[in-house]
Amino acid sequence: MAGVSYLTPYFDPKLEIAAHKIPVLNLTDCRHHVSAAANMSWPFNPVENTTKYSFAATSGMQFDVDFTGDIRLKLNDRILICLKGARVISRASGKNKLPFKLEFPDGFMAYVDDRVIDTFPVSMEEDTSAVMPSWFNTQPTPQSEPSSPQSSAGSELPSPPSKAHSIISQRSSSQERNLDKRSGSERSPSPPIHSPDPPSTQPATFRSNAHLNQPPPTRQPTAPAKGEPGSSTSRQAFRPSVPNVGLARNVSQPDTSTNESKAPKIKKRKRRKDKKNLRKLALEMTAGYSSALYGPFLPLSELSSRLGSKVNATGIVRGISIPKVSRNGDWCISIELLDPSVKDNLPFLVTLFLPESLKDCIPNVKAGDIIILVKFTVVLYQGKVRGTGHKDAFQWAGYSITQNAHFHSATRDFGDEDHCPFLKPSIEELQYASQIAEWWKATEELSNNKPGGASMLTIEPRGRRLITLSEAKADVFFNCIVEILFKAPPGDQAAEIFVTDYTVHPQFYSREPREDPKTAKQENIKVYGKRVLKVMLWGRTQVEHAHELEPGYYYIDNVRVKFDSKGNLEGTLQDDKRKIDKLRRDDPLLEDLLKRKSEYFSRAPSPERDTSQPAVARGRDPNLHTAGDLLPPPPIPIIPPQQTQPMDKSNKWPITRLTYQNIVQSPLQQVLGHASCPEIFRIRARVAAFEPYTLAHFAHGYCTKCNNDFLPVARACVECDDVEGKFTAYEYRFQLCVEEESPRPSQDGYRASLIVDVFGKDAEKFLGMPAQDFHDLANMRKLRSRLAPIFGNLEAHQADLAAGNSIKARTHGQYFEMLVQSYKSAHKSEGSLDNKRYRLWGTELLSKPPK
């Protein structure tokens, strides 16, 4: 990458450093850079507005980088990353992994493909004062004095090569600024009328004030002619450029008689927007428009009169089906469309077909997006008017309402003889898509304001639901994408297979590693915990198919789960047709599963138990609250409502006192989806399960001298020879699985739940008694008495489940209010891809009604 230094001082070859030296630098205004190649990427996270990449440095060591915004980089290409504005976040190191990651919260600078990318925002103060001083604050140059060569010469720098650039797509105003800055450097700025010449002593700078005196040039999109193939960009941002009239105002000439003159202040008028009038205008939108490049785009209501014709249309995606293979071997997908011309919310259905070679070009739009379709045919199918698009004719482009940008499903090039299914929208298509977006927002707002109103979108795919195993519910049929780990020898009437999609379900059987270290090392299946589901195959057809099944990736259709004799969920599949289809590793449906698998096997610490080490905690860690699964199962099976014995209804007084009463109560779905951490929430719920399963293990003993936990059977520290127990102390460490109070629970009894860690001083405040040895029966009775209002008969119920005894009728504890705090733990929770967990905080359990 020679020849970089003339573009910017940040990428001088002398300033390149090794990646392992980054933590020792001061990165506030650092000019050093590191050379690396991106070898893995994660999808854009719209909640945190970040894109994650894994880079391999020159030395071979890997490190992760979190960029702000939707960033797209080519994998395996060398890139220079400037360390200005970066944050170093420490993390656990692994094999070939550096013990930190980088974050760029405000923007970043990089040298990619012979050009510099700068996403740092530029403020008005930087443009007007820091970069170039105002001409009005300097002495005017006399007219008789000749101008110096420096003043007439423009601040010209060698412009970067005009090479097609489709590496990065940044949906922010910083990309527009970079384009304006490059275009401004290629033309000489014209001085404002009646203004003095700039003094010759001013240095030439790259960021000139040309964009303050002239409106930015309007960039017209360059689209190929009809039928002309071209390249596509994935999620390419495009906004119609509008002249910035707010910056290009006429400034009167200051009085030259005064040495210090000031520019007149621009008064900003506050304008109120009448939302009702704007919504009324949006609702009165007329569907249909005409494009100079692609011809007329018809309203969806007029397509029924164009049978057999190829038409163009644009509409809101109401629902979309799962991609599947048709009878002729092509991939097909069905999309339901709406626009202002459609009455009674009856969508227009379009089915699109693409061959196997263009499988990555299948539209990846979702409900609520806008799709622009060109050259699809209107047909009559089963007595209804439908639209069909075939591989050699139609083109499409998606438009995101939230990001105001068009996108495609892949980045690839097409030859001159190949048909490109991607549409390059012109200014007319984007303007109409923006109008439909405003119409849809107004329509949704009007629908939500009505009593009992709801969204008209169909979020779930058409057909049977495709879900992960963690979303499975008892006696509900669904489709899933799994990996078959192993199978048992098939019998005459049934067969067993064990599958996973690397998500956790609290009601699955917890698979543990082998206890024998020799056999554990020989074990090939390294998936443990509540991630493995046993599926029973019943019937002659399914048993014959089981003989052919091998470990690999499969699509299972029409499976359901039910409770076995021990209260765990297991899958069942019974059909006269084969319902398990093998998937290739490059199938796009496997993308999410493979990412979860990679995350499971690469995360630290390893989820597998190290059997080569003795079962002794070498150091006390307050983040490790229990030994075993971190998702205790709720009571199984669910007892019908008529068999449930409620608590005494006379107890209507609150049983907890909160430290802060001014916090608004939040539903659990909002708590789980909240982006910021740490955060305090107020919830109302009841206890559905707890762990450890015996109250005697609610407190853990440890040594205050060596700070190590006791052995499970010990009451004092063996290593310190503490016979008299001088250094013995106890600490609460247990978990509660709480379910919220829902006025309308679903028919299968499902309620939203949350795992809450209870430990330390917060646990002592909650229970009102210090941590102690609860193997003592007197202490055990006190603890059981304190937890009786919120536990009910949960302790006996879980004991029956564990022992396999007959399950008694369940007596639930009372609902109570609590404060929980989200926090980042040093250890990941089961079923979570990040380190976010929740702990009980600021809650006190009352023993009697408050006065």
Foldseek 3Di string as FASTA:
>chain_A
DPPPCLVDVLPDVVQEDFPLCVVVDDQQAASHKFKWFWADWDFQDPQQQWTKTWTQGPVRAIAMEIEHHGWFADGPFIKIWGSHQKDWAAFDADVSYHRTYIYRPQWTWMQGPQDIQTQHDDDPCCLDPVFFDDQLLAQFDDPVDDADPQLPDALAGDQTDPDDDQGIAGLDCSVVVVVQLSVPNVDGADDDPPGGGHHSPTDHDSRHCSCLQDWGDWDFDDFDAPQFFWWFHFQHFDDGDDTPVVRNDDWDDFDNVDNHTDTDDDDDDDDDDDVVVLLVVLLPDDAWDADPRAGTADAPVPVVVQAFFWHKHKFFFQAKADWDADPVGWIKIKTWGDFSVDPPLHTAIEMETAHPVCLQQPFPDFGGKMKIKGGWHWHQDPNDIHTYHYHQGMAMWIAHLVSLGIGTRDTDTDDRPHGDNYGDDTPVVSVVSNSRSSSQVSVQVVQVPDVVGDDSHDRAHPDFGEDFPQPADAPHWHKYKWWFDDWDQFDDFKTKTKIFLLFAHQQADWAAADLDPVVSVVDPDPDTGRGIAIEMEGDDVRSVVVVVDDTAMWIFGTKHWHQDLLQGIHIYDYDPDDGIGGDDPPDPVCVSSVVSVVLQCPDPPHPHDDSVDDPWFQADDLLCQAPDALRHHFQPDDDPPVLADEDPPVPPFAFKDFPDPPADADFVVCVVSNDDPWDKHKAKWAFRAKPPLDPQPQKWKAFQVSRTTDDPVDQADPVVPCPVRPRIDIKGGMKTKIFGDDPDADPSRDTDIAIAIEIDPLNCQAQVHGDDRCVPPVNVVSSCLSCCQRAPCVSVQVVCSVVSHDGHHDYGHDIHMFMKTWHFDSDPHRRDSGRIGIYTPRMYGHPDHDD
